[in-house]
C-alpha cells in the first residue's frame, strides 16, 4: 500500500486504509476531507468523506474521530452489500448529522479509472 496510508481494519477479506492524518483542511473550501483505500483480491476502491467546518460549531460534542469511525462503518456496509467495484471512487458529504453519498462533488478530483 502507499506509504501515506495506514491499515485501520481488515473486514471480510478487505483491507481498509486511511490516508494520514485523517481529515485534512482543503484550502479551496470551508471543509475537511478524509480518504480511504479499500483493497481486496479483485481490486481497489477509493472512498472520500467531506464535512463542512461549520459542523464543529453547529454540533455539540462534534468529534472528527467519531466521523472517521462512521466512515469505516459505511465502508463495511458497502462491503457487506457487495457494492464495491474495482477502480471506483465513492464520495460522501456530512449533512444533518450523517454522511450522504454524493456524485461528482466539486471538492473531489477523480484519479482511478
N, C-alpha and C. Protein backbone atom coordinates (compact mmCIF):
# COMPACT_ATOMS: atom_id res chain seq x y z
N UNK A 1 0.85 -1.19 0.00
CA UNK A 1 0.00 0.00 0.00
C UNK A 1 0.88 1.24 0.00
N UNK A 2 0.28 2.38 -0.29
CA UNK A 2 1.02 3.64 -0.32
C UNK A 2 1.55 3.99 1.07
N UNK A 3 2.71 4.63 1.14
CA UNK A 3 3.27 4.99 2.45
C UNK A 3 2.46 6.07 3.17
N UNK A 4 1.57 6.74 2.46
CA UNK A 4 0.73 7.78 3.05
C UNK A 4 -0.50 7.21 3.75
N UNK A 5 -0.70 5.91 3.66
CA UNK A 5 -1.89 5.27 4.20
C UNK A 5 -1.52 4.26 5.28
N UNK A 6 -2.43 4.12 6.26
CA UNK A 6 -2.23 3.11 7.30
C UNK A 6 -3.45 2.21 7.36
N UNK A 7 -3.20 0.94 7.62
CA UNK A 7 -4.27 -0.04 7.74
C UNK A 7 -5.05 0.24 9.02
N UNK A 8 -6.37 0.45 8.88
CA UNK A 8 -7.20 0.68 10.07
C UNK A 8 -8.03 -0.55 10.43
N UNK A 9 -8.28 -1.39 9.44
CA UNK A 9 -9.10 -2.57 9.73
C UNK A 9 -9.07 -3.52 8.53
N UNK A 10 -9.17 -4.81 8.85
CA UNK A 10 -9.42 -5.81 7.82
C UNK A 10 -10.82 -6.33 8.08
N UNK A 11 -11.65 -6.32 7.05
CA UNK A 11 -13.05 -6.69 7.21
C UNK A 11 -13.46 -7.57 6.04
N UNK A 12 -13.83 -8.81 6.35
CA UNK A 12 -14.29 -9.77 5.35
C UNK A 12 -13.35 -9.84 4.15
N UNK A 13 -12.06 -9.94 4.43
CA UNK A 13 -11.07 -10.08 3.37
C UNK A 13 -10.71 -8.78 2.66
N UNK A 14 -11.21 -7.67 3.14
CA UNK A 14 -10.93 -6.35 2.57
C UNK A 14 -10.08 -5.55 3.55
N UNK A 15 -9.00 -4.98 3.06
CA UNK A 15 -8.15 -4.13 3.90
C UNK A 15 -8.56 -2.68 3.70
N UNK A 16 -8.85 -1.99 4.80
CA UNK A 16 -9.30 -0.60 4.77
C UNK A 16 -8.14 0.27 5.26
N UNK A 17 -7.67 1.15 4.38
CA UNK A 17 -6.53 2.02 4.66
C UNK A 17 -6.99 3.47 4.71
N UNK A 18 -6.59 4.19 5.74
CA UNK A 18 -6.88 5.61 5.89
C UNK A 18 -5.68 6.42 5.43
N UNK A 19 -5.91 7.44 4.62
CA UNK A 19 -4.82 8.35 4.27
C UNK A 19 -4.54 9.21 5.49
N UNK A 20 -3.27 9.26 5.87
CA UNK A 20 -2.85 10.03 7.04
C UNK A 20 -2.89 11.52 6.77
N UNK A 21 -3.29 12.34 7.70
CA UNK A 21 -3.55 12.02 9.10
C UNK A 21 -5.02 11.75 9.41
N UNK A 22 -5.87 11.70 8.40
CA UNK A 22 -7.33 11.60 8.60
C UNK A 22 -7.96 12.77 7.89
N UNK A 23 -8.79 13.53 8.58
CA UNK A 23 -9.39 14.70 7.95
C UNK A 23 -8.33 15.78 7.76
N UNK A 24 -8.32 16.34 6.54
CA UNK A 24 -7.35 17.38 6.21
C UNK A 24 -8.09 18.60 5.68
N UNK A 25 -7.61 19.76 6.09
CA UNK A 25 -8.17 21.01 5.62
C UNK A 25 -7.91 21.16 4.13
N UNK A 26 -8.91 21.61 3.42
CA UNK A 26 -8.80 21.87 1.99
C UNK A 26 -8.93 23.37 1.78
N UNK A 27 -7.86 24.04 1.35
CA UNK A 27 -7.87 25.50 1.29
C UNK A 27 -8.89 26.11 0.34
N UNK A 28 -9.38 25.37 -0.63
CA UNK A 28 -10.32 25.96 -1.58
C UNK A 28 -11.76 25.95 -1.08
N UNK A 29 -11.98 25.41 0.11
CA UNK A 29 -13.35 25.38 0.65
C UNK A 29 -13.30 25.38 2.17
N UNK A 30 -14.41 25.64 2.76
CA UNK A 30 -14.52 25.65 4.21
C UNK A 30 -14.94 24.26 4.68
N UNK A 31 -14.03 23.31 4.49
CA UNK A 31 -14.33 21.93 4.84
C UNK A 31 -13.06 21.12 4.96
N UNK A 32 -13.21 19.88 5.43
CA UNK A 32 -12.09 18.95 5.57
C UNK A 32 -12.47 17.63 4.91
N UNK A 33 -11.47 16.94 4.36
CA UNK A 33 -11.70 15.70 3.63
C UNK A 33 -10.80 14.60 4.19
N UNK A 34 -11.36 13.40 4.33
CA UNK A 34 -10.61 12.20 4.68
C UNK A 34 -10.85 11.18 3.57
N UNK A 35 -9.82 10.42 3.24
CA UNK A 35 -10.00 9.42 2.20
C UNK A 35 -9.45 8.07 2.64
N UNK A 36 -10.03 7.04 2.06
CA UNK A 36 -9.68 5.65 2.36
C UNK A 36 -9.48 4.91 1.04
N UNK A 37 -8.61 3.92 1.08
CA UNK A 37 -8.49 2.95 0.00
C UNK A 37 -8.89 1.60 0.57
N UNK A 38 -9.70 0.88 -0.18
CA UNK A 38 -10.12 -0.46 0.22
C UNK A 38 -9.55 -1.43 -0.81
N UNK A 39 -8.71 -2.33 -0.34
CA UNK A 39 -8.06 -3.30 -1.22
C UNK A 39 -8.56 -4.70 -0.91
N UNK A 40 -8.78 -5.47 -1.96
CA UNK A 40 -9.16 -6.87 -1.82
C UNK A 40 -8.61 -7.61 -3.03
N UNK A 41 -8.76 -8.91 -3.05
CA UNK A 41 -8.13 -9.73 -4.09
C UNK A 41 -8.49 -9.28 -5.50
N UNK A 42 -9.70 -8.81 -5.70
CA UNK A 42 -10.15 -8.45 -7.04
C UNK A 42 -9.98 -6.98 -7.37
N UNK A 43 -9.53 -6.13 -6.42
CA UNK A 43 -9.43 -4.74 -6.81
C UNK A 43 -9.16 -3.75 -5.72
N UNK A 44 -9.51 -2.51 -6.05
CA UNK A 44 -9.25 -1.36 -5.19
C UNK A 44 -10.36 -0.34 -5.39
N UNK A 45 -10.88 0.18 -4.29
CA UNK A 45 -11.90 1.22 -4.33
C UNK A 45 -11.47 2.36 -3.43
N UNK A 46 -11.72 3.59 -3.86
CA UNK A 46 -11.42 4.78 -3.06
C UNK A 46 -12.72 5.33 -2.48
N UNK A 47 -12.66 5.74 -1.22
CA UNK A 47 -13.78 6.40 -0.55
C UNK A 47 -13.28 7.75 -0.05
N UNK A 48 -14.10 8.79 -0.21
CA UNK A 48 -13.74 10.11 0.31
C UNK A 48 -14.94 10.66 1.09
N UNK A 49 -14.63 11.30 2.22
CA UNK A 49 -15.65 11.84 3.12
C UNK A 49 -15.31 13.30 3.43
N UNK A 50 -16.28 14.18 3.23
CA UNK A 50 -16.07 15.61 3.48
C UNK A 50 -17.06 16.09 4.53
N UNK A 51 -16.57 16.97 5.42
CA UNK A 51 -17.50 17.64 6.32
C UNK A 51 -17.20 19.13 6.30
N UNK A 52 -18.26 19.96 6.41
CA UNK A 52 -18.06 21.41 6.48
C UNK A 52 -17.55 21.80 7.86
N UNK A 53 -16.62 22.74 7.90
CA UNK A 53 -16.06 23.16 9.18
C UNK A 53 -17.11 23.71 10.13
N UNK A 54 -18.18 24.25 9.60
CA UNK A 54 -19.23 24.79 10.47
C UNK A 54 -19.91 23.72 11.32
N UNK A 55 -19.75 22.46 10.94
CA UNK A 55 -20.31 21.38 11.77
C UNK A 55 -19.69 21.39 13.16
N UNK A 56 -18.43 21.84 13.24
CA UNK A 56 -17.77 21.92 14.54
C UNK A 56 -18.45 22.93 15.45
N UNK A 57 -19.05 23.95 14.86
CA UNK A 57 -19.75 24.99 15.62
C UNK A 57 -21.19 24.59 15.90
N UNK A 58 -21.81 23.97 14.91
CA UNK A 58 -23.24 23.67 14.99
C UNK A 58 -23.58 22.46 15.86
N UNK A 59 -22.65 21.53 16.02
CA UNK A 59 -22.96 20.29 16.73
C UNK A 59 -22.21 20.20 18.05
N UNK A 60 -22.95 20.19 19.15
CA UNK A 60 -22.29 19.99 20.45
C UNK A 60 -21.61 18.62 20.47
N UNK A 61 -20.42 18.58 21.01
CA UNK A 61 -19.71 17.30 21.11
C UNK A 61 -19.17 16.79 19.79
N UNK A 62 -19.03 17.65 18.79
CA UNK A 62 -18.52 17.23 17.49
C UNK A 62 -17.15 16.57 17.65
N UNK A 63 -16.92 15.49 16.90
CA UNK A 63 -15.65 14.75 17.00
C UNK A 63 -15.24 14.22 15.64
N UNK A 64 -14.06 14.61 15.19
CA UNK A 64 -13.54 14.05 13.94
C UNK A 64 -13.30 12.55 14.08
N UNK A 65 -12.86 12.11 15.25
CA UNK A 65 -12.63 10.68 15.47
C UNK A 65 -13.92 9.89 15.25
N UNK A 66 -15.02 10.42 15.76
CA UNK A 66 -16.31 9.73 15.57
C UNK A 66 -16.69 9.72 14.09
N UNK A 67 -16.41 10.79 13.37
CA UNK A 67 -16.71 10.80 11.93
C UNK A 67 -15.87 9.77 11.19
N UNK A 68 -14.61 9.63 11.58
CA UNK A 68 -13.76 8.61 10.95
C UNK A 68 -14.30 7.21 11.23
N UNK A 69 -14.81 6.98 12.44
CA UNK A 69 -15.42 5.70 12.77
C UNK A 69 -16.68 5.46 11.92
N UNK A 70 -17.49 6.50 11.76
CA UNK A 70 -18.70 6.37 10.93
C UNK A 70 -18.32 6.06 9.48
N UNK A 71 -17.25 6.68 9.00
CA UNK A 71 -16.80 6.43 7.63
C UNK A 71 -16.44 4.95 7.46
N UNK A 72 -15.71 4.39 8.40
CA UNK A 72 -15.34 2.98 8.33
C UNK A 72 -16.58 2.10 8.40
N UNK A 73 -17.54 2.46 9.22
CA UNK A 73 -18.79 1.69 9.30
C UNK A 73 -19.52 1.70 7.96
N UNK A 74 -19.52 2.84 7.27
CA UNK A 74 -20.15 2.92 5.95
C UNK A 74 -19.40 2.04 4.94
N UNK A 75 -18.09 2.08 4.99
CA UNK A 75 -17.30 1.24 4.09
C UNK A 75 -17.61 -0.24 4.35
N UNK A 76 -17.70 -0.62 5.62
CA UNK A 76 -18.04 -2.01 5.95
C UNK A 76 -19.41 -2.39 5.41
N UNK A 77 -20.36 -1.47 5.48
CA UNK A 77 -21.70 -1.73 4.93
C UNK A 77 -21.61 -1.98 3.42
N UNK A 78 -20.83 -1.18 2.73
CA UNK A 78 -20.65 -1.39 1.28
C UNK A 78 -20.04 -2.76 1.01
N UNK A 79 -19.11 -3.18 1.85
CA UNK A 79 -18.50 -4.50 1.70
C UNK A 79 -19.55 -5.58 1.91
N UNK A 80 -20.33 -5.46 2.98
CA UNK A 80 -21.38 -6.44 3.28
C UNK A 80 -22.38 -6.56 2.13
N UNK A 81 -22.72 -5.42 1.53
CA UNK A 81 -23.71 -5.41 0.45
C UNK A 81 -23.09 -5.70 -0.92
N UNK A 82 -21.81 -6.04 -0.93
CA UNK A 82 -21.10 -6.38 -2.17
C UNK A 82 -21.25 -5.27 -3.23
N UNK A 83 -21.06 -4.02 -2.80
CA UNK A 83 -21.24 -2.87 -3.68
C UNK A 83 -19.93 -2.33 -4.26
N UNK A 84 -18.80 -2.88 -3.82
CA UNK A 84 -17.52 -2.36 -4.29
C UNK A 84 -17.28 -2.76 -5.74
N UNK A 85 -16.74 -1.82 -6.48
CA UNK A 85 -16.34 -2.08 -7.87
C UNK A 85 -14.88 -1.69 -8.01
N UNK A 86 -14.12 -2.51 -8.70
CA UNK A 86 -12.71 -2.24 -8.89
C UNK A 86 -12.50 -0.88 -9.56
N UNK A 87 -11.55 -0.13 -9.03
CA UNK A 87 -11.15 1.18 -9.57
C UNK A 87 -12.30 2.18 -9.59
N UNK A 88 -13.16 2.11 -8.58
CA UNK A 88 -14.23 3.10 -8.47
C UNK A 88 -13.93 4.04 -7.31
N UNK A 89 -14.61 5.17 -7.31
CA UNK A 89 -14.45 6.17 -6.27
C UNK A 89 -15.83 6.55 -5.75
N UNK A 90 -15.99 6.53 -4.43
CA UNK A 90 -17.27 6.80 -3.79
C UNK A 90 -17.09 7.99 -2.86
N UNK A 91 -17.98 8.97 -2.96
CA UNK A 91 -17.83 10.20 -2.18
C UNK A 91 -19.06 10.46 -1.32
N UNK A 92 -18.80 11.02 -0.14
CA UNK A 92 -19.85 11.32 0.83
C UNK A 92 -19.63 12.72 1.40
N UNK A 93 -20.74 13.40 1.71
CA UNK A 93 -20.70 14.68 2.42
C UNK A 93 -21.48 14.54 3.72
N UNK A 94 -20.99 15.19 4.73
CA UNK A 94 -21.65 15.17 6.03
C UNK A 94 -22.73 16.25 6.04
N UNK A 95 -23.98 15.81 6.17
CA UNK A 95 -25.13 16.72 6.16
C UNK A 95 -26.13 16.28 7.21
N UNK A 96 -26.55 17.22 8.03
CA UNK A 96 -27.59 16.92 9.01
C UNK A 96 -27.23 15.79 9.96
N UNK A 97 -25.95 15.68 10.31
CA UNK A 97 -25.54 14.66 11.26
C UNK A 97 -25.24 13.30 10.68
N UNK A 98 -25.19 13.18 9.35
CA UNK A 98 -24.91 11.88 8.73
C UNK A 98 -24.16 12.07 7.42
N UNK A 99 -23.43 11.04 7.01
CA UNK A 99 -22.79 11.07 5.70
C UNK A 99 -23.81 10.67 4.64
N UNK A 100 -23.86 11.46 3.57
CA UNK A 100 -24.77 11.23 2.46
C UNK A 100 -23.93 11.04 1.20
N UNK A 101 -24.21 9.99 0.45
CA UNK A 101 -23.46 9.77 -0.78
C UNK A 101 -23.76 10.88 -1.78
N UNK A 102 -22.73 11.38 -2.44
CA UNK A 102 -22.86 12.42 -3.46
C UNK A 102 -22.12 11.97 -4.71
N UNK A 103 -22.56 12.48 -5.84
CA UNK A 103 -21.95 12.14 -7.12
C UNK A 103 -21.18 13.33 -7.67
N UNK A 104 -19.95 13.09 -8.04
CA UNK A 104 -19.08 14.11 -8.65
C UNK A 104 -19.07 15.45 -7.91
N UNK A 105 -18.76 15.43 -6.61
CA UNK A 105 -18.70 16.70 -5.89
C UNK A 105 -17.51 17.55 -6.38
N UNK A 106 -17.64 18.86 -6.28
CA UNK A 106 -16.59 19.77 -6.75
C UNK A 106 -15.30 19.61 -5.97
N UNK A 107 -15.36 19.12 -4.76
CA UNK A 107 -14.17 19.01 -3.91
C UNK A 107 -13.35 17.76 -4.17
N UNK A 108 -13.79 16.86 -5.03
CA UNK A 108 -13.07 15.61 -5.28
C UNK A 108 -12.66 15.51 -6.74
N UNK A 109 -11.39 15.27 -6.99
CA UNK A 109 -10.87 15.07 -8.34
C UNK A 109 -10.64 13.57 -8.51
N UNK A 110 -11.33 12.97 -9.47
CA UNK A 110 -11.20 11.54 -9.68
C UNK A 110 -9.82 11.19 -10.22
N UNK A 111 -9.27 10.08 -9.72
CA UNK A 111 -7.96 9.64 -10.18
C UNK A 111 -7.96 8.17 -10.63
N UNK A 112 -8.91 7.40 -10.19
CA UNK A 112 -8.98 6.00 -10.62
C UNK A 112 -9.76 5.90 -11.93
N UNK A 113 -9.57 4.84 -12.65
CA UNK A 113 -10.32 4.65 -13.90
C UNK A 113 -11.05 3.34 -13.89
